[in-house]
Amino acid sequence: MRPVTQSMMRTMMSCEEKMRLRYLEGLVSPDPPSPALSIGSAVHLGFEVGSADAAVASLRESRGPAWLEHEADALELDCAKVRAMVEGGLKLWKIWPSTPEEQFIIPFTNPATGKASTKHTLEGVFDGVFLPYELPGVKGLCLLEIKTTSRLDSAYLERLDLDWQVSAYLAAASVLYQVRVRKMVYRIIRKPSIRQRKNETLEEYVNRLVADYEERPEFYFEQVIVERTDQQIERWWYEAWELHERILRIENGGMTIRNSSHCLDFGRCTYFNLCRGIVGPSAFRVQEAHPELRRRPQS
């Protein structure tokens, strides 16, 4: 049984060839992970354990030693960002789920027949699960999702009405816990909007950054409760099963469809030059398909 995650399915919707290269071939960029990814991971850990110190320590460990002065300054700056985001969030949001980050493995089921796939399981990790009545005003089980972003506007919030991950996790939780789970607390942390001034020392900037998060929580933090109807969850299962069948076909040697309209998203796709024939697979390193699932539950 091979795991399929919501990230894998979302990549599939973006570009089938990108999904194949990343999740079936395991090819990833030889470059180290972007600073944005390491910051997001550290912030998640900080909220999971309720400690800004732990978040900063995690960031330092993931980055490794800084040998050059500008690298050391960049690390200290990112540590300050992580501290400001975690401390600000912990100060604003007093209630956290008694069940923090939890991995799930459930059958990947055909909604038309009720039969489970013999090839794939649906797997992922919840950021947290609020037990019934842990969250004032919300009855029943409720999931928690934490996101960091550089841009937070009305369009970001409107998109949550159709967000694939929200639907995927609520569908999975309903199967895992055998109850209807239809609500998710979505907590969003905006990354710093102020920059270091000319002639401002790093220490001065760090102090100003932390103060800005404390003084403007309404700008940096947002919490919304996202809901799904039974019909929306049912539709998600049908969409997911269609993707599952397409993934199976590709696994069995079927041709992928490349989506060139996404080649230059966020700068450019990691596999842009590979698809163009400029480089070969040897230009990449091989990594397990789903590193977020390393801490697998014991059977």
C-alpha atoms as a PDB file:
ATOM      1  CA  MET A   1       0.000   0.000   0.000  1.00  0.00           C
ATOM      2  CA  ARG A   2       1.444   3.310  -1.081  1.00  0.00           C
ATOM      3  CA  PRO A   3       0.502   6.586   0.622  1.00  0.00           C
ATOM      4  CA  VAL A   4      -1.310   9.354  -1.222  1.00  0.00           C
ATOM      5  CA  THR A   5      -1.424  12.759   0.471  1.00  0.00           C
ATOM      6  CA  GLN A   6      -3.423  15.879  -0.205  1.00  0.00           C
ATOM      7  CA  SER A   7      -0.187  17.607  -1.270  1.00  0.00           C
ATOM      8  CA  MET A   8       0.401  14.883  -3.853  1.00  0.00           C
ATOM      9  CA  MET A   9      -3.123  15.284  -5.220  1.00  0.00           C
ATOM     10  CA  ARG A  10      -2.844  19.071  -5.329  1.00  0.00           C
ATOM     11  CA  THR A  11       0.417  18.740  -7.258  1.00  0.00           C
ATOM     12  CA  MET A  12      -1.350  16.328  -9.604  1.00  0.00           C
ATOM     13  CA  MET A  13      -3.992  18.976 -10.317  1.00  0.00           C
ATOM     14  CA  SER A  14      -1.274  21.525 -11.025  1.00  0.00           C
ATOM     15  CA  CYS A  15       0.820  19.321 -13.330  1.00  0.00           C
ATOM     16  CA  GLU A  16       0.815  15.550 -13.732  1.00  0.00           C
ATOM     17  CA  GLU A  17       4.464  15.442 -14.777  1.00  0.00           C
ATOM     18  CA  LYS A  18       5.486  17.416 -11.691  1.00  0.00           C
ATOM     19  CA  MET A  19       3.602  14.910  -9.538  1.00  0.00           C
ATOM     20  CA  ARG A  20       5.362  12.009 -11.252  1.00  0.00           C
ATOM     21  CA  LEU A  21       8.832  13.493 -10.882  1.00  0.00           C
ATOM     22  CA  ARG A  22       8.362  14.504  -7.242  1.00  0.00           C
ATOM     23  CA  TYR A  23       6.251  11.722  -5.778  1.00  0.00           C
ATOM     24  CA  LEU A  24       6.895   8.700  -8.023  1.00  0.00           C
ATOM     25  CA  GLU A  25      10.519   9.323  -9.022  1.00  0.00           C
ATOM     26  CA  GLY A  26      11.414  11.113  -5.771  1.00  0.00           C
ATOM     27  CA  LEU A  27      13.426  13.837  -7.531  1.00  0.00           C
ATOM     28  CA  VAL A  28      13.993  17.034  -5.543  1.00  0.00           C
ATOM     29  CA  SER A  29      16.176  20.083  -6.045  1.00  0.00           C
ATOM     30  CA  PRO A  30      19.816  19.665  -4.975  1.00  0.00           C
ATOM     31  CA  ASP A  31      19.597  23.098  -3.345  1.00  0.00           C
ATOM     32  CA  PRO A  32      18.852  23.292   0.385  1.00  0.00           C
ATOM     33  CA  PRO A  33      15.241  23.991   1.394  1.00  0.00           C
ATOM     34  CA  SER A  34      14.199  27.613   1.078  1.00  0.00           C
ATOM     35  CA  PRO A  35      14.348  29.802   4.199  1.00  0.00           C
ATOM     36  CA  ALA A  36      10.575  30.223   3.974  1.00  0.00           C
ATOM     37  CA  LEU A  37      10.026  26.483   4.395  1.00  0.00           C
ATOM     38  CA  SER A  38      12.345  26.199   7.387  1.00  0.00           C
ATOM     39  CA  ILE A  39      10.660  29.203   9.027  1.00  0.00           C
ATOM     40  CA  GLY A  40       7.214  27.658   8.512  1.00  0.00           C
ATOM     41  CA  SER A  41       8.332  24.331   9.983  1.00  0.00           C
ATOM     42  CA  ALA A  42       9.866  26.035  13.013  1.00  0.00           C
ATOM     43  CA  VAL A  43       6.714  28.098  13.632  1.00  0.00           C
ATOM     44  CA  HIS A  44       4.574  24.953  13.464  1.00  0.00           C
ATOM     45  CA  LEU A  45       6.792  23.222  16.004  1.00  0.00           C
ATOM     46  CA  GLY A  46       6.692  26.240  18.291  1.00  0.00           C
ATOM     47  CA  PHE A  47       2.903  26.186  18.391  1.00  0.00           C
ATOM     48  CA  GLU A  48       2.813  22.399  18.754  1.00  0.00           C
ATOM     49  CA  VAL A  49       4.937  22.449  21.913  1.00  0.00           C
ATOM     50  CA  GLY A  50       3.937  25.947  23.054  1.00  0.00           C
ATOM     51  CA  SER A  51       7.454  27.367  23.082  1.00  0.00           C
ATOM     52  CA  ALA A  52       9.160  30.091  21.050  1.00  0.00           C
ATOM     53  CA  ASP A  53      12.522  28.865  22.362  1.00  0.00           C
ATOM     54  CA  ALA A  54      11.859  25.419  20.887  1.00  0.00           C
ATOM     55  CA  ALA A  55      10.882  26.984  17.580  1.00  0.00           C
ATOM     56  CA  VAL A  56      14.118  28.986  17.410  1.00  0.00           C
ATOM     57  CA  ALA A  57      16.189  25.940  18.383  1.00  0.00           C
ATOM     58  CA  SER A  58      14.487  23.929  15.638  1.00  0.00           C
ATOM     59  CA  LEU A  59      15.290  26.593  13.064  1.00  0.00           C
ATOM     60  CA  ARG A  60      18.945  26.706  14.098  1.00  0.00           C
ATOM     61  CA  GLU A  61      19.205  22.935  13.886  1.00  0.00           C
ATOM     62  CA  SER A  62      17.584  22.773  10.445  1.00  0.00           C
ATOM     63  CA  ARG A  63      19.873  25.487   9.047  1.00  0.00           C
ATOM     64  CA  GLY A  64      23.101  24.145  10.490  1.00  0.00           C
ATOM     65  CA  PRO A  65      26.165  26.271  11.277  1.00  0.00           C
ATOM     66  CA  ALA A  66      26.570  29.680   9.623  1.00  0.00           C
ATOM     67  CA  TRP A  67      30.172  30.055   8.480  1.00  0.00           C
ATOM     68  CA  LEU A  68      30.030  33.534   6.953  1.00  0.00           C
ATOM     69  CA  GLU A  69      29.037  36.790   8.623  1.00  0.00           C
ATOM     70  CA  HIS A  70      26.145  37.487   6.270  1.00  0.00           C
ATOM     71  CA  GLU A  71      24.854  33.934   6.811  1.00  0.00           C
ATOM     72  CA  ALA A  72      25.005  34.407  10.574  1.00  0.00           C
ATOM     73  CA  ASP A  73      23.121  37.712  10.309  1.00  0.00           C
ATOM     74  CA  ALA A  74      20.468  36.135   8.082  1.00  0.00           C
ATOM     75  CA  LEU A  75      20.022  33.275  10.564  1.00  0.00           C
ATOM     76  CA  GLU A  76      19.650  35.656  13.511  1.00  0.00           C
ATOM     77  CA  LEU A  77      17.119  37.674  11.540  1.00  0.00           C
ATOM     78  CA  ASP A  78      15.040  34.585  10.739  1.00  0.00           C
ATOM     79  CA  CYS A  79      15.269  33.457  14.362  1.00  0.00           C
ATOM     80  CA  ALA A  80      13.837  36.817  15.375  1.00  0.00           C
ATOM     81  CA  LYS A  81      10.992  36.415  12.884  1.00  0.00           C
ATOM     82  CA  VAL A  82      10.170  32.962  14.232  1.00  0.00           C
ATOM     83  CA  ARG A  83      10.264  34.187  17.822  1.00  0.00           C
ATOM     84  CA  ALA A  84       7.996  37.142  17.049  1.00  0.00           C
ATOM     85  CA  MET A  85       5.463  34.983  15.211  1.00  0.00           C
ATOM     86  CA  VAL A  86       5.313  32.237  17.846  1.00  0.00           C
ATOM     87  CA  GLU A  87       5.317  34.510  20.884  1.00  0.00           C
ATOM     88  CA  GLY A  88       2.666  36.733  19.316  1.00  0.00           C
ATOM     89  CA  GLY A  89       0.453  33.777  18.427  1.00  0.00           C
ATOM     90  CA  LEU A  90       0.767  32.165  21.855  1.00  0.00           C
ATOM     91  CA  LYS A  91      -0.097  35.459  23.504  1.00  0.00           C
ATOM     92  CA  LEU A  92      -3.148  36.035  21.271  1.00  0.00           C
ATOM     93  CA  TRP A  93      -4.542  32.501  21.069  1.00  0.00           C
ATOM     94  CA  LYS A  94      -4.952  31.127  24.574  1.00  0.00           C
ATOM     95  CA  ILE A  95      -6.791  27.915  23.677  1.00  0.00           C
ATOM     96  CA  TRP A  96      -4.925  25.088  21.939  1.00  0.00           C
ATOM     97  CA  PRO A  97      -6.069  21.522  21.231  1.00  0.00           C
ATOM     98  CA  SER A  98      -5.266  18.838  23.787  1.00  0.00           C
ATOM     99  CA  THR A  99      -4.433  16.628  20.812  1.00  0.00           C
ATOM    100  CA  PRO A 100      -1.583  18.342  18.936  1.00  0.00           C
ATOM    101  CA  GLU A 101      -0.079  17.240  15.627  1.00  0.00           C
ATOM    102  CA  GLU A 102      -1.470  13.821  14.707  1.00  0.00           C
ATOM    103  CA  GLN A 103      -0.796  11.602  11.708  1.00  0.00           C
ATOM    104  CA  PHE A 104      -3.606   9.666  10.061  1.00  0.00           C
ATOM    105  CA  ILE A 105      -3.770   6.647   7.763  1.00  0.00           C
ATOM    106  CA  ILE A 106      -7.183   5.738   6.361  1.00  0.00           C
ATOM    107  CA  PRO A 107      -8.461   3.635   3.448  1.00  0.00           C
ATOM    108  CA  PHE A 108      -8.685   5.421   0.110  1.00  0.00           C
ATOM    109  CA  THR A 109     -12.311   4.630  -0.694  1.00  0.00           C
ATOM    110  CA  ASN A 110     -14.357   4.709  -3.886  1.00  0.00           C
ATOM    111  CA  PRO A 111     -17.421   6.807  -2.915  1.00  0.00           C
ATOM    112  CA  ALA A 112     -19.586   5.135  -5.573  1.00  0.00           C
ATOM    113  CA  THR A 113     -19.013   1.576  -4.345  1.00  0.00           C
ATOM    114  CA  GLY A 114     -17.669   1.964  -0.808  1.00  0.00           C
ATOM    115  CA  LYS A 115     -14.728  -0.287  -1.661  1.00  0.00           C
ATOM    116  CA  ALA A 116     -11.213   0.675  -0.597  1.00  0.00           C
ATOM    117  CA  SER A 117      -8.257   0.851  -2.941  1.00  0.00           C
ATOM    118  CA  THR A 118      -5.929  -2.136  -2.804  1.00  0.00           C
ATOM    119  CA  LYS A 119      -2.995   0.045  -3.868  1.00  0.00           C
ATOM    120  CA  HIS A 120      -3.208   3.305  -1.924  1.00  0.00           C
ATOM    121  CA  THR A 121      -3.988   4.680   1.509  1.00  0.00           C
ATOM    122  CA  LEU A 122      -4.837   8.307   2.250  1.00  0.00           C
ATOM    123  CA  GLU A 123      -2.336   9.746   4.698  1.00  0.00           C
ATOM    124  CA  GLY A 124      -1.455  13.085   6.241  1.00  0.00           C
ATOM    125  CA  VAL A 125      -0.888  15.034   9.431  1.00  0.00           C
ATOM    126  CA  PHE A 126      -3.386  17.211  11.297  1.00  0.00           C
ATOM    127  CA  ASP A 127      -1.899  20.270  13.013  1.00  0.00           C
ATOM    128  CA  GLY A 128      -4.224  19.579  15.924  1.00  0.00           C
ATOM    129  CA  VAL A 129      -7.640  18.246  16.957  1.00  0.00           C
ATOM    130  CA  PHE A 130      -9.931  20.122  19.335  1.00  0.00           C
ATOM    131  CA  LEU A 131     -12.034  17.679  21.348  1.00  0.00           C
ATOM    132  CA  PRO A 132     -15.747  18.433  21.810  1.00  0.00           C
ATOM    133  CA  TYR A 133     -16.313  21.686  23.721  1.00  0.00           C
ATOM    134  CA  GLU A 134     -12.599  22.463  24.042  1.00  0.00           C
ATOM    135  CA  LEU A 135     -13.208  25.485  21.841  1.00  0.00           C
ATOM    136  CA  PRO A 136     -15.922  27.861  23.122  1.00  0.00           C
ATOM    137  CA  GLY A 137     -18.834  28.141  20.714  1.00  0.00           C
ATOM    138  CA  VAL A 138     -17.802  25.117  18.644  1.00  0.00           C
ATOM    139  CA  LYS A 139     -19.453  21.760  19.254  1.00  0.00           C
ATOM    140  CA  GLY A 140     -18.007  18.417  18.287  1.00  0.00           C
ATOM    141  CA  LEU A 141     -14.552  17.588  16.972  1.00  0.00           C
ATOM    142  CA  CYS A 142     -12.809  20.432  15.197  1.00  0.00           C
ATOM    143  CA  LEU A 143      -9.462  20.392  13.367  1.00  0.00           C
ATOM    144  CA  LEU A 144      -6.709  22.968  13.630  1.00  0.00           C
ATOM    145  CA  GLU A 145      -4.647  24.199  10.685  1.00  0.00           C
ATOM    146  CA  ILE A 146      -1.761  26.667  11.005  1.00  0.00           C
ATOM    147  CA  LYS A 147      -0.369  28.607   8.059  1.00  0.00           C
ATOM    148  CA  THR A 148       2.278  31.276   7.593  1.00  0.00           C
ATOM    149  CA  THR A 149       1.983  33.620   4.639  1.00  0.00           C
ATOM    150  CA  SER A 150       3.504  36.761   3.168  1.00  0.00           C
ATOM    151  CA  ARG A 151       0.170  37.917   1.802  1.00  0.00           C
ATOM    152  CA  LEU A 152      -3.046  37.957   3.775  1.00  0.00           C
ATOM    153  CA  ASP A 153      -6.051  39.635   2.181  1.00  0.00           C
ATOM    154  CA  SER A 154      -9.729  39.021   1.455  1.00  0.00           C
ATOM    155  CA  ALA A 155      -8.873  36.838  -1.564  1.00  0.00           C
ATOM    156  CA  TYR A 156      -6.777  34.552   0.672  1.00  0.00           C
ATOM    157  CA  LEU A 157      -9.711  34.080   3.032  1.00  0.00           C
ATOM    158  CA  GLU A 158     -12.271  33.646   0.236  1.00  0.00           C
ATOM    159  CA  ARG A 159     -10.152  30.887  -1.293  1.00  0.00           C
ATOM    160  CA  LEU A 160     -10.600  28.828   1.870  1.00  0.00           C
ATOM    161  CA  ASP A 161     -14.199  28.120   0.799  1.00  0.00           C
ATOM    162  CA  LEU A 162     -12.732  25.871  -1.915  1.00  0.00           C
ATOM    163  CA  ASP A 163      -9.425  24.921  -0.332  1.00  0.00           C
ATOM    164  CA  TRP A 164      -8.477  21.322  -1.181  1.00  0.00           C
ATOM    165  CA  GLN A 165      -6.597  20.649   2.050  1.00  0.00           C
ATOM    166  CA  VAL A 166      -9.488  21.774   4.240  1.00  0.00           C
ATOM    167  CA  SER A 167     -11.863  19.367   2.498  1.00  0.00           C
ATOM    168  CA  ALA A 168      -9.295  16.550   2.487  1.00  0.00           C
ATOM    169  CA  TYR A 169      -8.572  16.775   6.201  1.00  0.00           C
ATOM    170  CA  LEU A 170     -12.215  17.081   7.242  1.00  0.00           C
ATOM    171  CA  ALA A 171     -13.058  14.054   5.080  1.00  0.00           C
ATOM    172  CA  ALA A 172     -10.162  12.084   6.557  1.00  0.00           C
ATOM    173  CA  ALA A 173     -11.019  13.062  10.139  1.00  0.00           C
ATOM    174  CA  SER A 174     -14.614  11.933   9.648  1.00  0.00           C
ATOM    175  CA  VAL A 175     -13.380   8.478   8.638  1.00  0.00           C
ATOM    176  CA  LEU A 176     -10.671   8.297  11.284  1.00  0.00           C
ATOM    177  CA  TYR A 177     -12.900   9.273  14.222  1.00  0.00           C
ATOM    178  CA  GLN A 178     -16.133   7.791  12.828  1.00  0.00           C
ATOM    179  CA  VAL A 179     -18.072  11.024  13.408  1.00  0.00           C
ATOM    180  CA  ARG A 180     -18.989  13.958  11.184  1.00  0.00           C
ATOM    181  CA  VAL A 181     -16.121  16.454  11.340  1.00  0.00           C
ATOM    182  CA  ARG A 182     -17.089  19.569   9.412  1.00  0.00           C
ATOM    183  CA  LYS A 183     -15.218  22.471  11.014  1.00  0.00           C
ATOM    184  CA  MET A 184     -11.614  23.602  11.012  1.00  0.00           C
ATOM    185  CA  VAL A 185     -10.016  26.429  12.976  1.00  0.00           C
ATOM    186  CA  TYR A 186      -7.706  28.100  10.472  1.00  0.00           C
ATOM    187  CA  ARG A 187      -5.005  30.220  12.111  1.00  0.00           C
ATOM    188  CA  ILE A 188      -2.903  32.368   9.810  1.00  0.00           C
ATOM    189  CA  ILE A 189       0.307  34.172  10.762  1.00  0.00           C
ATOM    190  CA  ARG A 190       1.542  36.908   8.481  1.00  0.00           C
ATOM    191  CA  LYS A 191       5.287  37.094   7.981  1.00  0.00           C
ATOM    192  CA  PRO A 192       7.033  40.375   8.919  1.00  0.00           C
ATOM    193  CA  SER A 193       6.040  43.413   6.886  1.00  0.00           C
ATOM    194  CA  ILE A 194       8.761  45.751   8.159  1.00  0.00           C
ATOM    195  CA  ARG A 195      12.341  45.687   6.924  1.00  0.00           C
ATOM    196  CA  GLN A 196      15.619  46.594   8.507  1.00  0.00           C
ATOM    197  CA  ARG A 197      16.309  50.316   8.157  1.00  0.00           C
ATOM    198  CA  LYS A 198      19.495  51.778   6.828  1.00  0.00           C
ATOM    199  CA  ASN A 199      22.037  52.191   9.646  1.00  0.00           C
ATOM    200  CA  GLU A 200      19.789  50.148  11.979  1.00  0.00           C
ATOM    201  CA  THR A 201      21.639  47.412  13.833  1.00  0.00           C
ATOM    202  CA  LEU A 202      20.370  43.865  13.793  1.00  0.00           C
ATOM    203  CA  GLU A 203      19.556  44.067  17.498  1.00  0.00           C
ATOM    204  CA  GLU A 204      17.578  47.286  17.001  1.00  0.00           C
ATOM    205  CA  TYR A 205      15.654  45.765  14.133  1.00  0.00           C
ATOM    206  CA  VAL A 206      14.877  42.598  16.100  1.00  0.00           C
ATOM    207  CA  ASN A 207      13.516  44.634  18.996  1.00  0.00           C
ATOM    208  CA  ARG A 208      11.374  46.717  16.638  1.00  0.00           C
ATOM    209  CA  LEU A 209      10.115  43.592  14.898  1.00  0.00           C
ATOM    210  CA  VAL A 210       9.038  41.899  18.136  1.00  0.00           C
ATOM    211  CA  ALA A 211       7.363  45.103  19.284  1.00  0.00           C
ATOM    212  CA  ASP A 212       5.472  45.391  15.990  1.00  0.00           C
ATOM    213  CA  TYR A 213       3.952  41.928  16.419  1.00  0.00           C
ATOM    214  CA  GLU A 214       2.898  42.819  19.964  1.00  0.00           C
ATOM    215  CA  GLU A 215       1.400  46.172  18.978  1.00  0.00           C
ATOM    216  CA  ARG A 216      -0.422  45.051  15.813  1.00  0.00           C
ATOM    217  CA  PRO A 217      -1.806  41.559  16.415  1.00  0.00           C
ATOM    218  CA  GLU A 218      -4.853  42.336  14.257  1.00  0.00           C
ATOM    219  CA  PHE A 219      -2.501  42.874  11.291  1.00  0.00           C
ATOM    220  CA  TYR A 220      -0.317  39.808  11.777  1.00  0.00           C
ATOM    221  CA  PHE A 221      -2.776  37.197  13.013  1.00  0.00           C
ATOM    222  CA  GLU A 222      -6.091  35.948  11.660  1.00  0.00           C
ATOM    223  CA  GLN A 223      -8.378  33.160  12.814  1.00  0.00           C
ATOM    224  CA  VAL A 224     -11.380  31.892  10.876  1.00  0.00           C
ATOM    225  CA  ILE A 225     -13.562  28.823  11.245  1.00  0.00           C
ATOM    226  CA  VAL A 226     -13.924  27.077   7.906  1.00  0.00           C
ATOM    227  CA  GLU A 227     -16.822  24.695   7.402  1.00  0.00           C
ATOM    228  CA  ARG A 228     -17.854  22.083   4.852  1.00  0.00           C
ATOM    229  CA  THR A 229     -21.264  20.602   4.124  1.00  0.00           C
ATOM    230  CA  ASP A 230     -21.916  16.889   3.654  1.00  0.00           C
ATOM    231  CA  GLN A 231     -22.354  17.544  -0.067  1.00  0.00           C
ATOM    232  CA  GLN A 232     -18.989  19.272  -0.284  1.00  0.00           C
ATOM    233  CA  ILE A 233     -17.244  16.394   1.475  1.00  0.00           C
ATOM    234  CA  GLU A 234     -18.967  13.886  -0.819  1.00  0.00           C
ATOM    235  CA  ARG A 235     -17.842  15.849  -3.877  1.00  0.00           C
ATOM    236  CA  TRP A 236     -14.279  15.916  -2.534  1.00  0.00           C
ATOM    237  CA  TRP A 237     -14.260  12.107  -2.291  1.00  0.00           C
ATOM    238  CA  TYR A 238     -15.409  11.786  -5.911  1.00  0.00           C
ATOM    239  CA  GLU A 239     -12.743  14.251  -7.067  1.00  0.00           C
ATOM    240  CA  ALA A 240     -10.081  12.516  -4.996  1.00  0.00           C
ATOM    241  CA  TRP A 241     -11.029   9.105  -6.401  1.00  0.00           C
ATOM    242  CA  GLU A 242     -10.740  10.436  -9.954  1.00  0.00           C
ATOM    243  CA  LEU A 243      -7.245  11.681  -9.137  1.00  0.00           C
ATOM    244  CA  HIS A 244      -6.421   8.365  -7.476  1.00  0.00           C
ATOM    245  CA  GLU A 245      -7.351   6.458 -10.636  1.00  0.00           C
ATOM    246  CA  ARG A 246      -5.252   8.810 -12.727  1.00  0.00           C
ATOM    247  CA  ILE A 247      -2.276   8.319 -10.384  1.00  0.00           C
ATOM    248  CA  LEU A 248      -2.690   4.547 -10.693  1.00  0.00           C
ATOM    249  CA  ARG A 249      -2.600   4.823 -14.468  1.00  0.00           C
ATOM    250  CA  ILE A 250       0.602   6.859 -14.351  1.00  0.00           C
ATOM    251  CA  GLU A 251       2.169   4.409 -11.880  1.00  0.00           C
ATOM    252  CA  ASN A 252       1.423   1.659 -14.389  1.00  0.00           C
ATOM    253  CA  GLY A 253       3.245   3.471 -17.181  1.00  0.00           C
ATOM    254  CA  GLY A 254       0.569   5.824 -18.485  1.00  0.00           C
ATOM    255  CA  MET A 255       1.566   9.128 -20.050  1.00  0.00           C
ATOM    256  CA  THR A 256       1.440  12.279 -17.942  1.00  0.00           C
ATOM    257  CA  ILE A 257      -0.034  15.569 -19.145  1.00  0.00           C
ATOM    258  CA  ARG A 258       2.305  18.520 -18.675  1.00  0.00           C
ATOM    259  CA  ASN A 259       0.751  21.853 -17.728  1.00  0.00           C
ATOM    260  CA  SER A 260       3.045  24.554 -19.103  1.00  0.00           C
ATOM    261  CA  SER A 261       0.851  27.320 -17.672  1.00  0.00           C
ATOM    262  CA  HIS A 262       2.366  26.579 -14.235  1.00  0.00           C
ATOM    263  CA  CYS A 263       6.022  26.360 -15.293  1.00  0.00           C
ATOM    264  CA  LEU A 264       6.852  29.849 -14.051  1.00  0.00           C
ATOM    265  CA  ASP A 265       4.733  29.912 -10.895  1.00  0.00           C
ATOM    266  CA  PHE A 266       6.638  31.320  -7.896  1.00  0.00           C
ATOM    267  CA  GLY A 267       9.646  32.059 -10.099  1.00  0.00           C
ATOM    268  CA  ARG A 268       9.822  28.750 -11.932  1.00  0.00           C
ATOM    269  CA  CYS A 269       9.056  25.085 -11.419  1.00  0.00           C
ATOM    270  CA  THR A 270      11.865  22.982  -9.969  1.00  0.00           C
ATOM    271  CA  TYR A 271      11.599  20.669 -12.981  1.00  0.00           C
ATOM    272  CA  PHE A 272      11.378  23.373 -15.675  1.00  0.00           C
ATOM    273  CA  ASN A 273      14.814  22.688 -17.169  1.00  0.00           C
ATOM    274  CA  LEU A 274      14.346  18.937 -16.862  1.00  0.00           C
ATOM    275  CA  CYS A 275      11.142  19.100 -18.911  1.00  0.00           C
ATOM    276  CA  ARG A 276      12.923  21.358 -21.416  1.00  0.00           C
ATOM    277  CA  GLY A 277      15.709  18.816 -21.791  1.00  0.00           C
ATOM    278  CA  ILE A 278      18.403  21.200 -20.519  1.00  0.00           C
ATOM    279  CA  VAL A 279      19.373  18.896 -17.633  1.00  0.00           C
ATOM    280  CA  GLY A 280      18.816  15.244 -16.816  1.00  0.00           C
ATOM    281  CA  PRO A 281      17.609  13.423 -13.685  1.00  0.00           C
ATOM    282  CA  SER A 282      21.187  13.311 -12.391  1.00  0.00           C
ATOM    283  CA  ALA A 283      20.905  17.042 -11.671  1.00  0.00           C
ATOM    284  CA  PHE A 284      18.530  16.199  -8.827  1.00  0.00           C
ATOM    285  CA  ARG A 285      18.825  14.283  -5.602  1.00  0.00           C
ATOM    286  CA  VAL A 286      16.452  11.499  -4.638  1.00  0.00           C
ATOM    287  CA  GLN A 287      14.313  11.838  -1.524  1.00  0.00           C
ATOM    288  CA  GLU A 288      11.453   9.849  -0.042  1.00  0.00           C
ATOM    289  CA  ALA A 289       8.113  10.922  -1.460  1.00  0.00           C
ATOM    290  CA  HIS A 290       6.441  12.002   1.778  1.00  0.00           C
ATOM    291  CA  PRO A 291       8.973  13.196   4.377  1.00  0.00           C
ATOM    292  CA  GLU A 292       6.175  14.660   6.502  1.00  0.00           C
ATOM    293  CA  LEU A 293       5.028  11.073   7.183  1.00  0.00           C
ATOM    294  CA  ARG A 294       8.268   9.916   8.785  1.00  0.00           C
ATOM    295  CA  ARG A 295       6.736   9.582  12.223  1.00  0.00           C
ATOM    296  CA  ARG A 296       4.389   6.778  11.250  1.00  0.00           C
ATOM    297  CA  PRO A 297       2.067   5.338  13.909  1.00  0.00           C
ATOM    298  CA  GLN A 298       3.091   1.972  15.317  1.00  0.00           C
ATOM    299  CA  SER A 299       0.943  -0.933  14.164  1.00  0.00           C
END
